[in-house]
Amino acid sequence: MMFEKTDPEYANILLHFMKEETVNDPACVLKPDTRHLAILSTLIGSGATDAFSEYLPEALDGGLSPVALKETIYQATDYLGYGRVCPFLKLANEILTSRGVALPLPKQGKVTREERLTRGVEVQAQIFGERMKEAWKAGTVNRFLAENCFGDYYTRGGLTIPEREMITFCFLLAQGGCEPQILAHAKGNLSVGNDADFLTRVVLTVLPYIGYPRSLNALSAIAKAREEKKS
């Protein structure tokens, strides 16, 4: 950690919480790749470039594939915009290149321009229900969501749909001010098999990186989504 020499007491407190408690506590345990994806997507969502650079080598050493990393950054564009994603793509390219990874990586696109609307609508319906099959007709932004967000990105290889919904949830909870979307994607996660216990583990894992207020907001959304699913 970059502050171990200058701020050893702080580093001791933080590293214990970040690397031990929220990794080993039974309420937090995740598979290594899932933990890496959750943390990296949360750091991207919160604009934490320095922490991203510090954590990324650990994730790659821990087995996270360069393809999964790149797909996470690409998808973040839908939820953060190019302006905020650009620095993370640049950092990732620099770190991958320094480790001898040849760029560009193998192509992951699965749809043509002509197919993106149809395939995007299919993915939306898979996540949010059959009502989404007509939602794209409601306006231009709705069509963009179907074609671009879900057609261009969610259909790509490298990550599963449950993984993509999980990182989306992290992008949203990390940036704040997105409570309606956090709730919508908490419901979306539940519909693709990421249950409330899993999402809670994700939030507790990323808590050291975003703090308590945004973590509590996310936990509230999970609880509301679970209750609405029961009703």
Protein backbone atom coordinates (compact mmCIF):
# COMPACT_ATOMS: atom_id res chain seq x y z
CA MET A 1 0.00 0.00 0.00
CA MET A 2 1.30 3.45 -0.92
CA PHE A 3 0.87 4.89 2.60
CA GLU A 4 2.56 2.18 4.68
CA LYS A 5 5.74 4.22 5.23
CA THR A 6 4.23 7.68 5.69
CA ASP A 7 1.07 6.68 7.60
CA PRO A 8 1.73 3.29 9.19
CA GLU A 9 -1.08 3.44 11.76
CA TYR A 10 -3.66 4.33 9.12
CA ALA A 11 -2.31 1.64 6.80
CA ASN A 12 -2.50 -0.94 9.57
CA ILE A 13 -6.15 -0.14 10.30
CA LEU A 14 -7.16 0.01 6.66
CA LEU A 15 -5.29 -3.07 5.48
CA HIS A 16 -6.69 -5.18 8.31
CA PHE A 17 -10.23 -4.14 7.39
CA MET A 18 -9.69 -4.23 3.61
CA LYS A 19 -7.56 -7.35 3.23
CA GLU A 20 -8.64 -9.47 6.19
CA GLU A 21 -12.05 -8.64 7.66
CA THR A 22 -13.93 -7.95 4.42
CA VAL A 23 -12.24 -10.91 2.73
CA ASN A 24 -12.49 -13.59 5.42
CA ASP A 25 -15.64 -12.70 7.38
CA PRO A 26 -18.30 -15.33 6.54
CA ALA A 27 -20.70 -12.53 5.55
CA CYS A 28 -18.28 -11.27 2.90
CA VAL A 29 -16.75 -14.33 1.24
CA LEU A 30 -16.76 -14.28 -2.56
CA LYS A 31 -14.93 -16.24 -5.22
CA PRO A 32 -11.63 -14.49 -6.05
CA ASP A 33 -12.61 -13.44 -9.58
CA THR A 34 -15.93 -12.09 -8.33
CA ARG A 35 -14.20 -10.13 -5.59
CA HIS A 36 -11.74 -8.64 -8.08
CA LEU A 37 -14.50 -7.65 -10.49
CA ALA A 38 -16.57 -6.09 -7.70
CA ILE A 39 -13.67 -4.06 -6.33
CA LEU A 40 -12.41 -2.88 -9.72
CA SER A 41 -15.89 -1.88 -10.93
CA THR A 42 -16.47 -0.04 -7.66
CA LEU A 43 -13.20 1.84 -8.01
CA ILE A 44 -14.13 2.77 -11.57
CA GLY A 45 -17.57 3.89 -10.42
CA SER A 46 -16.09 6.14 -7.75
CA GLY A 47 -13.43 7.60 -10.04
CA ALA A 48 -10.61 6.24 -7.88
CA THR A 49 -7.76 6.09 -10.40
CA ASP A 50 -4.93 5.85 -7.85
CA ALA A 51 -6.60 3.03 -5.93
CA PHE A 52 -7.40 1.30 -9.23
CA SER A 53 -3.73 1.39 -10.25
CA GLU A 54 -2.75 0.06 -6.84
CA TYR A 55 -5.28 -2.79 -6.87
CA LEU A 56 -5.16 -3.93 -10.50
CA PRO A 57 -1.83 -5.86 -10.28
CA GLU A 58 -3.20 -7.78 -7.31
CA ALA A 59 -6.31 -8.71 -9.31
CA LEU A 60 -4.27 -9.84 -12.32
CA ASP A 61 -1.88 -11.81 -10.10
CA GLY A 62 -4.94 -13.36 -8.49
CA GLY A 63 -6.15 -14.76 -11.79
CA LEU A 64 -8.45 -12.08 -13.23
CA SER A 65 -8.19 -12.31 -17.00
CA PRO A 66 -7.26 -9.29 -19.12
CA VAL A 67 -10.43 -9.89 -21.16
CA ALA A 68 -12.66 -9.70 -18.07
CA LEU A 69 -10.84 -6.54 -17.01
CA LYS A 70 -11.31 -4.87 -20.39
CA GLU A 71 -14.96 -5.90 -20.61
CA THR A 72 -15.58 -4.35 -17.20
CA ILE A 73 -14.05 -1.05 -18.30
CA TYR A 74 -15.88 -1.06 -21.63
CA GLN A 75 -19.25 -1.63 -19.98
CA ALA A 76 -18.61 1.15 -17.50
CA THR A 77 -18.99 3.60 -20.38
CA ASP A 78 -22.76 3.03 -20.34
CA TYR A 79 -23.05 4.01 -16.69
CA LEU A 80 -20.30 6.61 -16.28
CA GLY A 81 -19.66 8.00 -19.75
CA TYR A 82 -16.49 8.06 -21.79
CA GLY A 83 -15.06 11.07 -19.96
CA ARG A 84 -14.86 9.20 -16.66
CA VAL A 85 -13.93 5.82 -18.14
CA CYS A 86 -11.09 7.05 -20.36
CA PRO A 87 -8.47 7.33 -17.55
CA PHE A 88 -9.17 3.76 -16.41
CA LEU A 89 -8.79 2.33 -19.89
CA LYS A 90 -5.51 4.18 -20.26
CA LEU A 91 -4.24 2.89 -16.91
CA ALA A 92 -5.30 -0.66 -17.69
CA ASN A 93 -3.53 -0.56 -21.05
CA GLU A 94 -0.35 0.74 -19.42
CA ILE A 95 -0.38 -1.95 -16.73
CA LEU A 96 -1.23 -4.77 -19.13
CA THR A 97 1.49 -3.68 -21.55
CA SER A 98 4.04 -3.49 -18.74
CA ARG A 99 3.19 -7.12 -17.91
CA GLY A 100 3.75 -8.28 -21.48
CA VAL A 101 0.10 -8.61 -22.50
CA ALA A 102 -0.32 -8.04 -26.24
CA LEU A 103 -2.95 -5.47 -27.20
CA PRO A 104 -5.52 -5.40 -28.62
CA LEU A 105 -7.00 -8.46 -26.95
CA PRO A 106 -9.03 -11.04 -28.90
CA LYS A 107 -12.33 -9.70 -30.21
CA GLN A 108 -15.38 -10.28 -28.00
CA GLY A 109 -18.16 -8.74 -30.11
CA LYS A 110 -20.96 -11.17 -30.96
CA VAL A 111 -23.52 -9.07 -32.85
CA THR A 112 -23.66 -7.06 -36.04
CA ARG A 113 -24.99 -3.51 -36.30
CA GLU A 114 -28.16 -4.97 -37.82
CA GLU A 115 -28.65 -7.37 -34.89
CA ARG A 116 -27.86 -5.10 -31.97
CA LEU A 117 -31.42 -3.88 -31.35
CA THR A 118 -32.99 -7.33 -31.45
CA ARG A 119 -30.28 -8.89 -29.31
CA GLY A 120 -30.28 -5.96 -26.89
CA VAL A 121 -34.03 -6.25 -26.38
CA GLU A 122 -33.60 -9.97 -25.71
CA VAL A 123 -31.04 -9.25 -22.99
CA GLN A 124 -33.22 -6.54 -21.44
CA ALA A 125 -36.16 -8.94 -21.31
CA GLN A 126 -33.95 -11.63 -19.75
CA ILE A 127 -32.94 -9.23 -16.98
CA PHE A 128 -36.00 -7.05 -16.44
CA GLY A 129 -38.91 -9.07 -17.77
CA GLU A 130 -41.06 -9.42 -20.86
CA ARG A 131 -42.32 -5.80 -20.64
CA MET A 132 -38.91 -4.69 -21.94
CA LYS A 133 -39.66 -6.15 -25.37
CA GLU A 134 -41.66 -3.03 -26.19
CA ALA A 135 -39.82 -0.51 -24.00
CA TRP A 136 -37.40 0.54 -26.74
CA LYS A 137 -40.31 2.07 -28.67
CA ALA A 138 -41.03 4.67 -25.95
CA GLY A 139 -38.39 7.16 -27.12
CA THR A 140 -34.94 7.68 -28.55
CA VAL A 141 -33.12 7.15 -25.25
CA ASN A 142 -35.01 3.90 -24.76
CA ARG A 143 -33.88 2.70 -28.18
CA PHE A 144 -30.31 3.77 -27.39
CA LEU A 145 -30.46 1.72 -24.18
CA ALA A 146 -31.57 -1.37 -26.07
CA GLU A 147 -29.16 -0.97 -28.98
CA ASN A 148 -26.10 0.46 -27.32
CA CYS A 149 -26.10 -0.44 -23.63
CA PHE A 150 -27.52 -3.93 -23.94
CA GLY A 151 -26.96 -4.70 -27.63
CA ASP A 152 -23.40 -3.45 -27.98
CA TYR A 153 -22.03 -4.35 -24.54
CA TYR A 154 -24.09 -6.96 -22.68
CA THR A 155 -23.95 -9.34 -25.66
CA ARG A 156 -20.15 -9.39 -25.73
CA GLY A 157 -18.01 -12.30 -24.57
CA GLY A 158 -15.64 -12.27 -21.62
CA LEU A 159 -18.28 -11.88 -18.91
CA THR A 160 -21.58 -13.65 -18.24
CA ILE A 161 -24.87 -11.80 -17.92
CA PRO A 162 -24.88 -12.30 -14.11
CA GLU A 163 -21.34 -10.90 -13.95
CA ARG A 164 -22.35 -7.93 -16.09
CA GLU A 165 -25.33 -7.17 -13.86
CA MET A 166 -23.11 -7.43 -10.78
CA ILE A 167 -20.55 -4.94 -12.10
CA THR A 168 -23.35 -2.62 -13.19
CA PHE A 169 -24.70 -2.68 -9.64
CA CYS A 170 -21.21 -1.75 -8.44
CA PHE A 171 -20.84 1.11 -10.95
CA LEU A 172 -24.11 2.56 -9.69
CA LEU A 173 -23.67 2.11 -5.95
CA ALA A 174 -20.15 3.59 -6.12
CA GLN A 175 -21.00 6.83 -7.88
CA GLY A 176 -23.96 7.83 -5.70
CA GLY A 177 -27.06 9.77 -6.74
CA CYS A 178 -28.37 6.80 -8.71
CA GLU A 179 -30.77 5.30 -6.18
CA PRO A 180 -33.62 4.52 -8.65
CA GLN A 181 -31.15 2.77 -10.96
CA ILE A 182 -29.53 0.94 -8.03
CA LEU A 183 -32.94 -0.45 -7.10
CA ALA A 184 -33.72 -1.40 -10.72
CA HIS A 185 -30.43 -3.25 -11.09
CA ALA A 186 -30.76 -4.88 -7.68
CA LYS A 187 -33.99 -6.36 -9.08
CA GLY A 188 -32.18 -7.21 -12.32
CA ASN A 189 -29.48 -9.04 -10.38
CA LEU A 190 -32.08 -11.07 -8.51
CA SER A 191 -33.72 -12.08 -11.81
CA VAL A 192 -30.48 -13.48 -13.25
CA GLY A 193 -29.50 -15.49 -10.19
CA ASN A 194 -27.49 -13.02 -8.11
CA ASP A 195 -29.56 -13.37 -4.96
CA ALA A 196 -29.78 -10.91 -2.08
CA ASP A 197 -27.18 -12.78 -0.02
CA PHE A 198 -24.71 -12.59 -2.91
CA LEU A 199 -25.34 -8.86 -3.47
CA THR A 200 -24.91 -8.21 0.25
CA ARG A 201 -21.54 -9.98 0.13
CA VAL A 202 -20.56 -7.75 -2.77
CA VAL A 203 -21.48 -4.57 -0.90
CA LEU A 204 -19.66 -5.63 2.27
CA THR A 205 -16.59 -6.53 0.20
CA VAL A 206 -16.40 -3.09 -1.45
CA LEU A 207 -17.32 -1.12 1.67
CA PRO A 208 -13.69 -0.12 2.44
CA TYR A 209 -13.40 1.41 -1.02
CA ILE A 210 -16.58 3.56 -0.96
CA GLY A 211 -17.44 4.09 2.72
CA TYR A 212 -20.54 3.47 4.78
CA PRO A 213 -23.15 5.92 3.38
CA ARG A 214 -23.16 4.54 -0.15
CA SER A 215 -22.86 0.98 1.14
CA LEU A 216 -25.90 1.47 3.36
CA ASN A 217 -27.84 2.92 0.42
CA ALA A 218 -27.01 -0.17 -1.62
CA LEU A 219 -28.00 -2.53 1.20
CA SER A 220 -31.33 -0.72 1.48
CA ALA A 221 -31.92 -1.19 -2.26
CA ILE A 222 -31.15 -4.91 -1.95
CA ALA A 223 -33.62 -5.28 0.91
CA LYS A 224 -36.32 -3.40 -1.02
CA ALA A 225 -35.73 -5.46 -4.15
CA ARG A 226 -36.00 -8.68 -2.16
CA GLU A 227 -39.26 -7.60 -0.55
CA GLU A 228 -40.77 -6.49 -3.85
CA LYS A 229 -39.84 -9.81 -5.40
CA LYS A 230 -41.71 -11.65 -2.64
CA SER A 231 -44.88 -9.58 -3.10
